[in-house]
Every structure is written in C-alpha cells, then in structure tokens.
Amino acid sequence: MCIFIPWIMLQGKCYLFLEATSQLYRSLAPIQPWLYYLLESYQGPEKVVGVFLSAAYMVSKGTDLMNRAKLWRGAFWKLLQNVVR
C-alpha cells in the first residue's frame, strides 16, 4: 500500500500541471482572432473605436493571463517537487 501513495500523488501533480497548461492555452488562443476582428472591422474615422476596444480587451485579458500564468507556475513547481518526504 505504501508503494502506491507516491504514484497517486505524482499522478495528481501531473493532472494539475496539465489542467493549468490547458487553462493558460485556452486564455491565449482567442487573443489574436479577437484583435484582428476588432482592428479590421472598422474603417476610416471609426478605426479609433476599434483601437479603443482592442486596448480595453487587452487590459481585461491581461489580468486574466497574469492569474493563469501564476497558476501555471505554481503547478510547474509542484510537479518538480519531490513526492516522498
């Protein structure tokens, strides 16, 4: 029974790291299409509206990305920690 406990703990750390990586990727993936849409959908003088909307999107997305990057970093360090104490 003692042999299986470190394996389960290591497996949990791997799942935590995989989940954090997935969340970070899912936050990063939609940035480029949305910026393209916001910047290219306005022409002429309305282009300023697209720039302001893009800036607001990046500010709101920046806080989310920082939180997810911190989660990923914590999961990465937990993955590298020794299982047996």
PDB file of N, CA and C in Angstrom:
ATOM      1  N   MET A   1       0.819  -1.196   0.000  1.00  0.00           N
ATOM      2  CA  MET A   1       0.000   0.000   0.000  1.00  0.00           C
ATOM      3  C   MET A   1       0.856   1.251   0.000  1.00  0.00           C
ATOM      4  N   CYS A   2       1.992   1.219   0.672  1.00  0.00           N
ATOM      5  CA  CYS A   2       2.876   2.372   0.749  1.00  0.00           C
ATOM      6  C   CYS A   2       3.474   2.733  -0.610  1.00  0.00           C
ATOM      7  N   ILE A   3       3.630   1.758  -1.473  1.00  0.00           N
ATOM      8  CA  ILE A   3       4.235   1.998  -2.779  1.00  0.00           C
ATOM      9  C   ILE A   3       3.292   2.793  -3.670  1.00  0.00           C
ATOM     10  N   PHE A   4       2.002   2.634  -3.529  1.00  0.00           N
ATOM     11  CA  PHE A   4       1.046   3.277  -4.418  1.00  0.00           C
ATOM     12  C   PHE A   4       0.779   4.737  -4.070  1.00  0.00           C
ATOM     13  N   ILE A   5       1.006   5.158  -2.848  1.00  0.00           N
ATOM     14  CA  ILE A   5       0.722   6.541  -2.451  1.00  0.00           C
ATOM     15  C   ILE A   5       1.575   7.544  -3.229  1.00  0.00           C
ATOM     16  N   PRO A   6       2.909   7.359  -3.364  1.00  0.00           N
ATOM     17  CA  PRO A   6       3.669   8.327  -4.172  1.00  0.00           C
ATOM     18  C   PRO A   6       3.207   8.353  -5.630  1.00  0.00           C
ATOM     19  N   TRP A   7       2.820   7.224  -6.189  1.00  0.00           N
ATOM     20  CA  TRP A   7       2.359   7.206  -7.581  1.00  0.00           C
ATOM     21  C   TRP A   7       1.085   8.025  -7.736  1.00  0.00           C
ATOM     22  N   ILE A   8       0.167   7.901  -6.791  1.00  0.00           N
ATOM     23  CA  ILE A   8      -1.082   8.663  -6.849  1.00  0.00           C
ATOM     24  C   ILE A   8      -0.805  10.153  -6.694  1.00  0.00           C
ATOM     25  N   MET A   9       0.135  10.509  -5.811  1.00  0.00           N
ATOM     26  CA  MET A   9       0.471  11.915  -5.629  1.00  0.00           C
ATOM     27  C   MET A   9       1.125  12.485  -6.876  1.00  0.00           C
ATOM     28  N   LEU A  10       2.009  11.713  -7.505  1.00  0.00           N
ATOM     29  CA  LEU A  10       2.654  12.161  -8.733  1.00  0.00           C
ATOM     30  C   LEU A  10       1.628  12.300  -9.857  1.00  0.00           C
ATOM     31  N   GLN A  11       0.706  11.375  -9.914  1.00  0.00           N
ATOM     32  CA  GLN A  11      -0.332  11.426 -10.935  1.00  0.00           C
ATOM     33  C   GLN A  11      -1.199  12.678 -10.741  1.00  0.00           C
ATOM     34  N   GLY A  12      -1.520  13.011  -9.505  1.00  0.00           N
ATOM     35  CA  GLY A  12      -2.298  14.217  -9.224  1.00  0.00           C
ATOM     36  C   GLY A  12      -1.557  15.478  -9.625  1.00  0.00           C
ATOM     37  N   LYS A  13      -0.249  15.504  -9.392  1.00  0.00           N
ATOM     38  CA  LYS A  13       0.551  16.667  -9.791  1.00  0.00           C
ATOM     39  C   LYS A  13       0.597  16.801 -11.306  1.00  0.00           C
ATOM     40  N   CYS A  14       0.670  15.680 -11.993  1.00  0.00           N
ATOM     41  CA  CYS A  14       0.664  15.724 -13.458  1.00  0.00           C
ATOM     42  C   CYS A  14      -0.665  16.251 -13.985  1.00  0.00           C
ATOM     43  N   TYR A  15      -1.747  15.799 -13.378  1.00  0.00           N
ATOM     44  CA  TYR A  15      -3.069  16.292 -13.793  1.00  0.00           C
ATOM     45  C   TYR A  15      -3.230  17.781 -13.490  1.00  0.00           C
ATOM     46  N   LEU A  16      -2.707  18.233 -12.364  1.00  0.00           N
ATOM     47  CA  LEU A  16      -2.760  19.653 -12.019  1.00  0.00           C
ATOM     48  C   LEU A  16      -1.994  20.479 -13.044  1.00  0.00           C
ATOM     49  N   PHE A  17      -0.794  20.021 -13.403  1.00  0.00           N
ATOM     50  CA  PHE A  17       0.005  20.737 -14.394  1.00  0.00           C
ATOM     51  C   PHE A  17      -0.672  20.731 -15.761  1.00  0.00           C
ATOM     52  N   LEU A  18      -1.253  19.619 -16.140  1.00  0.00           N
ATOM     53  CA  LEU A  18      -1.960  19.532 -17.418  1.00  0.00           C
ATOM     54  C   LEU A  18      -3.164  20.483 -17.450  1.00  0.00           C
ATOM     55  N   GLU A  19      -3.902  20.546 -16.352  1.00  0.00           N
ATOM     56  CA  GLU A  19      -5.053  21.445 -16.279  1.00  0.00           C
ATOM     57  C   GLU A  19      -4.621  22.908 -16.340  1.00  0.00           C
ATOM     58  N   ALA A  20      -3.552  23.263 -15.630  1.00  0.00           N
ATOM     59  CA  ALA A  20      -3.061  24.643 -15.654  1.00  0.00           C
ATOM     60  C   ALA A  20      -2.560  25.023 -17.043  1.00  0.00           C
ATOM     61  N   THR A  21      -1.883  24.092 -17.714  1.00  0.00           N
ATOM     62  CA  THR A  21      -1.416  24.347 -19.076  1.00  0.00           C
ATOM     63  C   THR A  21      -2.583  24.533 -20.032  1.00  0.00           C
ATOM     64  N   SER A  22      -3.607  23.716 -19.870  1.00  0.00           N
ATOM     65  CA  SER A  22      -4.790  23.824 -20.709  1.00  0.00           C
ATOM     66  C   SER A  22      -5.498  25.162 -20.503  1.00  0.00           C
ATOM     67  N   GLN A  23      -5.633  25.588 -19.262  1.00  0.00           N
ATOM     68  CA  GLN A  23      -6.284  26.865 -18.987  1.00  0.00           C
ATOM     69  C   GLN A  23      -5.483  28.034 -19.544  1.00  0.00           C
ATOM     70  N   LEU A  24      -4.160  27.973 -19.432  1.00  0.00           N
ATOM     71  CA  LEU A  24      -3.329  29.040 -19.985  1.00  0.00           C
ATOM     72  C   LEU A  24      -3.458  29.094 -21.502  1.00  0.00           C
ATOM     73  N   TYR A  25      -3.438  27.943 -22.141  1.00  0.00           N
ATOM     74  CA  TYR A  25      -3.583  27.911 -23.597  1.00  0.00           C
ATOM     75  C   TYR A  25      -4.950  28.436 -24.035  1.00  0.00           C
ATOM     76  N   ARG A  26      -5.988  28.040 -23.304  1.00  0.00           N
ATOM     77  CA  ARG A  26      -7.334  28.483 -23.665  1.00  0.00           C
ATOM     78  C   ARG A  26      -7.518  29.982 -23.449  1.00  0.00           C
ATOM     79  N   SER A  27      -6.699  30.580 -22.608  1.00  0.00           N
ATOM     80  CA  SER A  27      -6.743  32.031 -22.444  1.00  0.00           C
ATOM     81  C   SER A  27      -5.958  32.744 -23.541  1.00  0.00           C
ATOM     82  N   LEU A  28      -4.881  32.123 -24.009  1.00  0.00           N
ATOM     83  CA  LEU A  28      -4.041  32.746 -25.024  1.00  0.00           C
ATOM     84  C   LEU A  28      -4.597  32.597 -26.438  1.00  0.00           C
ATOM     85  N   ALA A  29      -5.250  31.498 -26.714  1.00  0.00           N
ATOM     86  CA  ALA A  29      -5.672  31.192 -28.084  1.00  0.00           C
ATOM     87  C   ALA A  29      -6.610  32.227 -28.712  1.00  0.00           C
ATOM     88  N   PRO A  30      -7.605  32.757 -28.015  1.00  0.00           N
ATOM     89  CA  PRO A  30      -8.533  33.670 -28.705  1.00  0.00           C
ATOM     90  C   PRO A  30      -8.046  35.106 -28.844  1.00  0.00           C
ATOM     91  N   ILE A  31      -6.881  35.439 -28.356  1.00  0.00           N
ATOM     92  CA  ILE A  31      -6.438  36.836 -28.398  1.00  0.00           C
ATOM     93  C   ILE A  31      -6.238  37.316 -29.832  1.00  0.00           C
ATOM     94  N   GLN A  32      -5.503  36.565 -30.618  1.00  0.00           N
ATOM     95  CA  GLN A  32      -5.198  37.010 -31.976  1.00  0.00           C
ATOM     96  C   GLN A  32      -6.446  37.166 -32.855  1.00  0.00           C
ATOM     97  N   PRO A  33      -7.387  36.213 -32.874  1.00  0.00           N
ATOM     98  CA  PRO A  33      -8.582  36.428 -33.708  1.00  0.00           C
ATOM     99  C   PRO A  33      -9.423  37.621 -33.265  1.00  0.00           C
ATOM    100  N   TRP A  34      -9.543  37.826 -31.954  1.00  0.00           N
ATOM    101  CA  TRP A  34     -10.334  38.960 -31.485  1.00  0.00           C
ATOM    102  C   TRP A  34      -9.667  40.288 -31.834  1.00  0.00           C
ATOM    103  N   LEU A  35      -8.354  40.367 -31.682  1.00  0.00           N
ATOM    104  CA  LEU A  35      -7.673  41.611 -32.053  1.00  0.00           C
ATOM    105  C   LEU A  35      -7.796  41.875 -33.548  1.00  0.00           C
ATOM    106  N   TYR A  36      -7.676  40.844 -34.341  1.00  0.00           N
ATOM    107  CA  TYR A  36      -7.852  41.004 -35.784  1.00  0.00           C
ATOM    108  C   TYR A  36      -9.262  41.506 -36.097  1.00  0.00           C
ATOM    109  N   TYR A  37     -10.252  40.911 -35.468  1.00  0.00           N
ATOM    110  CA  TYR A  37     -11.640  41.314 -35.705  1.00  0.00           C
ATOM    111  C   TYR A  37     -11.872  42.760 -35.277  1.00  0.00           C
ATOM    112  N   LEU A  38     -11.398  43.119 -34.084  1.00  0.00           N
ATOM    113  CA  LEU A  38     -11.642  44.473 -33.585  1.00  0.00           C
ATOM    114  C   LEU A  38     -10.912  45.533 -34.396  1.00  0.00           C
ATOM    115  N   LEU A  39      -9.730  45.233 -34.870  1.00  0.00           N
ATOM    116  CA  LEU A  39      -8.961  46.234 -35.607  1.00  0.00           C
ATOM    117  C   LEU A  39      -9.353  46.311 -37.082  1.00  0.00           C
ATOM    118  N   GLU A  40      -9.808  45.220 -37.658  1.00  0.00           N
ATOM    119  CA  GLU A  40     -10.124  45.215 -39.084  1.00  0.00           C
ATOM    120  C   GLU A  40     -11.599  45.469 -39.395  1.00  0.00           C
ATOM    121  N   SER A  41     -12.457  45.463 -38.393  1.00  0.00           N
ATOM    122  CA  SER A  41     -13.883  45.634 -38.678  1.00  0.00           C
ATOM    123  C   SER A  41     -14.273  47.099 -38.830  1.00  0.00           C
ATOM    124  N   TYR A  42     -13.422  48.012 -38.436  1.00  0.00           N
ATOM    125  CA  TYR A  42     -13.724  49.439 -38.554  1.00  0.00           C
ATOM    126  C   TYR A  42     -12.827  50.061 -39.612  1.00  0.00           C
ATOM    127  N   GLN A  43     -13.414  50.926 -40.431  1.00  0.00           N
ATOM    128  CA  GLN A  43     -12.678  51.608 -41.491  1.00  0.00           C
ATOM    129  C   GLN A  43     -12.837  53.111 -41.315  1.00  0.00           C
ATOM    130  N   GLY A  44     -11.880  53.860 -41.795  1.00  0.00           N
ATOM    131  CA  GLY A  44     -11.956  55.311 -41.759  1.00  0.00           C
ATOM    132  C   GLY A  44     -11.843  55.852 -40.339  1.00  0.00           C
ATOM    133  N   PRO A  45     -12.646  56.896 -40.046  1.00  0.00           N
ATOM    134  CA  PRO A  45     -12.554  57.524 -38.719  1.00  0.00           C
ATOM    135  C   PRO A  45     -13.002  56.596 -37.580  1.00  0.00           C
ATOM    136  N   GLU A  46     -13.825  55.594 -37.902  1.00  0.00           N
ATOM    137  CA  GLU A  46     -14.279  54.663 -36.862  1.00  0.00           C
ATOM    138  C   GLU A  46     -13.158  53.732 -36.391  1.00  0.00           C
ATOM    139  N   LYS A  47     -12.023  53.747 -37.067  1.00  0.00           N
ATOM    140  CA  LYS A  47     -10.894  52.895 -36.694  1.00  0.00           C
ATOM    141  C   LYS A  47     -10.445  53.184 -35.259  1.00  0.00           C
ATOM    142  N   VAL A  48     -10.664  54.423 -34.800  1.00  0.00           N
ATOM    143  CA  VAL A  48     -10.305  54.800 -33.430  1.00  0.00           C
ATOM    144  C   VAL A  48     -11.112  53.967 -32.438  1.00  0.00           C
ATOM    145  N   VAL A  49     -12.375  53.696 -32.762  1.00  0.00           N
ATOM    146  CA  VAL A  49     -13.211  52.862 -31.898  1.00  0.00           C
ATOM    147  C   VAL A  49     -12.611  51.465 -31.781  1.00  0.00           C
ATOM    148  N   GLY A  50     -12.148  50.912 -32.885  1.00  0.00           N
ATOM    149  CA  GLY A  50     -11.517  49.598 -32.868  1.00  0.00           C
ATOM    150  C   GLY A  50     -10.254  49.575 -32.022  1.00  0.00           C
ATOM    151  N   VAL A  51      -9.486  50.649 -32.083  1.00  0.00           N
ATOM    152  CA  VAL A  51      -8.263  50.728 -31.279  1.00  0.00           C
ATOM    153  C   VAL A  51      -8.616  50.786 -29.802  1.00  0.00           C
ATOM    154  N   PHE A  52      -9.608  51.592 -29.437  1.00  0.00           N
ATOM    155  CA  PHE A  52     -10.019  51.664 -28.031  1.00  0.00           C
ATOM    156  C   PHE A  52     -10.589  50.338 -27.537  1.00  0.00           C
ATOM    157  N   LEU A  53     -11.391  49.681 -28.350  1.00  0.00           N
ATOM    158  CA  LEU A  53     -11.924  48.379 -27.961  1.00  0.00           C
ATOM    159  C   LEU A  53     -10.810  47.337 -27.813  1.00  0.00           C
ATOM    160  N   SER A  54      -9.827  47.390 -28.703  1.00  0.00           N
ATOM    161  CA  SER A  54      -8.697  46.462 -28.598  1.00  0.00           C
ATOM    162  C   SER A  54      -7.888  46.715 -27.333  1.00  0.00           C
ATOM    163  N   ALA A  55      -7.688  47.995 -27.005  1.00  0.00           N
ATOM    164  CA  ALA A  55      -6.954  48.325 -25.786  1.00  0.00           C
ATOM    165  C   ALA A  55      -7.713  47.850 -24.551  1.00  0.00           C
ATOM    166  N   ALA A  56      -9.027  48.053 -24.531  1.00  0.00           N
ATOM    167  CA  ALA A  56      -9.835  47.591 -23.397  1.00  0.00           C
ATOM    168  C   ALA A  56      -9.802  46.063 -23.289  1.00  0.00           C
ATOM    169  N   TYR A  57      -9.826  45.395 -24.423  1.00  0.00           N
ATOM    170  CA  TYR A  57      -9.757  43.927 -24.423  1.00  0.00           C
ATOM    171  C   TYR A  57      -8.426  43.448 -23.863  1.00  0.00           C
ATOM    172  N   MET A  58      -7.342  44.083 -24.266  1.00  0.00           N
ATOM    173  CA  MET A  58      -6.023  43.671 -23.795  1.00  0.00           C
ATOM    174  C   MET A  58      -5.855  43.938 -22.303  1.00  0.00           C
ATOM    175  N   VAL A  59      -6.425  45.025 -21.800  1.00  0.00           N
ATOM    176  CA  VAL A  59      -6.338  45.308 -20.365  1.00  0.00           C
ATOM    177  C   VAL A  59      -7.110  44.248 -19.582  1.00  0.00           C
ATOM    178  N   SER A  60      -8.318  43.936 -20.028  1.00  0.00           N
ATOM    179  CA  SER A  60      -9.123  42.940 -19.309  1.00  0.00           C
ATOM    180  C   SER A  60      -8.512  41.539 -19.443  1.00  0.00           C
ATOM    181  N   LYS A  61      -7.925  41.241 -20.583  1.00  0.00           N
ATOM    182  CA  LYS A  61      -7.320  39.940 -20.797  1.00  0.00           C
ATOM    183  C   LYS A  61      -5.989  39.815 -20.055  1.00  0.00           C
ATOM    184  N   GLY A  62      -5.307  40.934 -19.861  1.00  0.00           N
ATOM    185  CA  GLY A  62      -4.013  40.916 -19.186  1.00  0.00           C
ATOM    186  C   GLY A  62      -4.105  40.425 -17.752  1.00  0.00           C
ATOM    187  N   THR A  63      -5.127  40.857 -17.034  1.00  0.00           N
ATOM    188  CA  THR A  63      -5.277  40.404 -15.647  1.00  0.00           C
ATOM    189  C   THR A  63      -5.584  38.910 -15.601  1.00  0.00           C
ATOM    190  N   ASP A  64      -6.397  38.441 -16.525  1.00  0.00           N
ATOM    191  CA  ASP A  64      -6.706  37.018 -16.588  1.00  0.00           C
ATOM    192  C   ASP A  64      -5.454  36.198 -16.914  1.00  0.00           C
ATOM    193  N   LEU A  65      -4.653  36.689 -17.854  1.00  0.00           N
ATOM    194  CA  LEU A  65      -3.433  35.978 -18.224  1.00  0.00           C
ATOM    195  C   LEU A  65      -2.438  35.938 -17.067  1.00  0.00           C
ATOM    196  N   MET A  66      -2.354  37.006 -16.306  1.00  0.00           N
ATOM    197  CA  MET A  66      -1.432  37.017 -15.164  1.00  0.00           C
ATOM    198  C   MET A  66      -1.849  35.977 -14.128  1.00  0.00           C
ATOM    199  N   ASN A  67      -3.145  35.892 -13.850  1.00  0.00           N
ATOM    200  CA  ASN A  67      -3.625  34.896 -12.891  1.00  0.00           C
ATOM    201  C   ASN A  67      -3.362  33.473 -13.382  1.00  0.00           C
ATOM    202  N   ARG A  68      -3.598  33.231 -14.657  1.00  0.00           N
ATOM    203  CA  ARG A  68      -3.380  31.887 -15.200  1.00  0.00           C
ATOM    204  C   ARG A  68      -1.894  31.547 -15.269  1.00  0.00           C
ATOM    205  N   ALA A  69      -1.051  32.542 -15.531  1.00  0.00           N
ATOM    206  CA  ALA A  69       0.391  32.298 -15.546  1.00  0.00           C
ATOM    207  C   ALA A  69       0.902  31.967 -14.139  1.00  0.00           C
ATOM    208  N   LYS A  70       0.358  32.633 -13.133  1.00  0.00           N
ATOM    209  CA  LYS A  70       0.730  32.316 -11.755  1.00  0.00           C
ATOM    210  C   LYS A  70       0.286  30.901 -11.387  1.00  0.00           C
ATOM    211  N   LEU A  71      -0.907  30.525 -11.805  1.00  0.00           N
ATOM    212  CA  LEU A  71      -1.393  29.169 -11.564  1.00  0.00           C
ATOM    213  C   LEU A  71      -0.496  28.149 -12.256  1.00  0.00           C
ATOM    214  N   TRP A  72      -0.096  28.419 -13.496  1.00  0.00           N
ATOM    215  CA  TRP A  72       0.766  27.503 -14.234  1.00  0.00           C
ATOM    216  C   TRP A  72       2.123  27.375 -13.556  1.00  0.00           C
ATOM    217  N   ARG A  73       2.684  28.508 -13.119  1.00  0.00           N
ATOM    218  CA  ARG A  73       3.983  28.476 -12.451  1.00  0.00           C
ATOM    219  C   ARG A  73       3.922  27.660 -11.159  1.00  0.00           C
ATOM    220  N   GLY A  74       2.848  27.862 -10.378  1.00  0.00           N
ATOM    221  CA  GLY A  74       2.684  27.085  -9.150  1.00  0.00           C
ATOM    222  C   GLY A  74       2.535  25.603  -9.428  1.00  0.00           C
ATOM    223  N   ALA A  75       1.783  25.253 -10.470  1.00  0.00           N
ATOM    224  CA  ALA A  75       1.614  23.845 -10.834  1.00  0.00           C
ATOM    225  C   ALA A  75       2.931  23.250 -11.321  1.00  0.00           C
ATOM    226  N   PHE A  76       3.720  24.037 -12.025  1.00  0.00           N
ATOM    227  CA  PHE A  76       5.009  23.563 -12.512  1.00  0.00           C
ATOM    228  C   PHE A  76       5.950  23.272 -11.346  1.00  0.00           C
ATOM    229  N   TRP A  77       5.991  24.169 -10.365  1.00  0.00           N
ATOM    230  CA  TRP A  77       6.872  23.945  -9.212  1.00  0.00           C
ATOM    231  C   TRP A  77       6.399  22.765  -8.378  1.00  0.00           C
ATOM    232  N   LYS A  78       5.089  22.584  -8.267  1.00  0.00           N
ATOM    233  CA  LYS A  78       4.584  21.416  -7.543  1.00  0.00           C
ATOM    234  C   LYS A  78       4.952  20.123  -8.267  1.00  0.00           C
ATOM    235  N   LEU A  79       4.952  20.171  -9.600  1.00  0.00           N
ATOM    236  CA  LEU A  79       5.316  18.992 -10.371  1.00  0.00           C
ATOM    237  C   LEU A  79       6.780  18.612 -10.134  1.00  0.00           C
ATOM    238  N   LEU A  80       7.638  19.627  -9.950  1.00  0.00           N
ATOM    239  CA  LEU A  80       9.058  19.360  -9.762  1.00  0.00           C
ATOM    240  C   LEU A  80       9.415  18.961  -8.328  1.00  0.00           C
ATOM    241  N   GLN A  81       8.507  19.181  -7.393  1.00  0.00           N
ATOM    242  CA  GLN A  81       8.807  18.844  -6.003  1.00  0.00           C
ATOM    243  C   GLN A  81       8.885  17.334  -5.814  1.00  0.00           C
ATOM    244  N   ASN A  82       9.634  16.943  -4.831  1.00  0.00           N
ATOM    245  CA  ASN A  82       9.787  15.527  -4.508  1.00  0.00           C
ATOM    246  C   ASN A  82       8.493  14.982  -3.919  1.00  0.00           C
ATOM    247  N   VAL A  83       8.083  13.821  -4.351  1.00  0.00           N
ATOM    248  CA  VAL A  83       6.829  13.222  -3.892  1.00  0.00           C
ATOM    249  C   VAL A  83       6.983  12.653  -2.481  1.00  0.00           C
ATOM    250  N   VAL A  84       8.074  11.972  -2.222  1.00  0.00           N
ATOM    251  CA  VAL A  84       8.281  11.329  -0.932  1.00  0.00           C
ATOM    252  C   VAL A  84       8.973  12.333  -0.001  1.00  0.00           C
ATOM    253  N   ARG A  85       8.414  12.510   1.167  1.00  0.00           N
ATOM    254  CA  ARG A  85       9.011  13.479   2.122  1.00  0.00           C
ATOM    255  C   ARG A  85       9.702  12.777   3.230  1.00  0.00           C
TER     256      ARG A  85
END
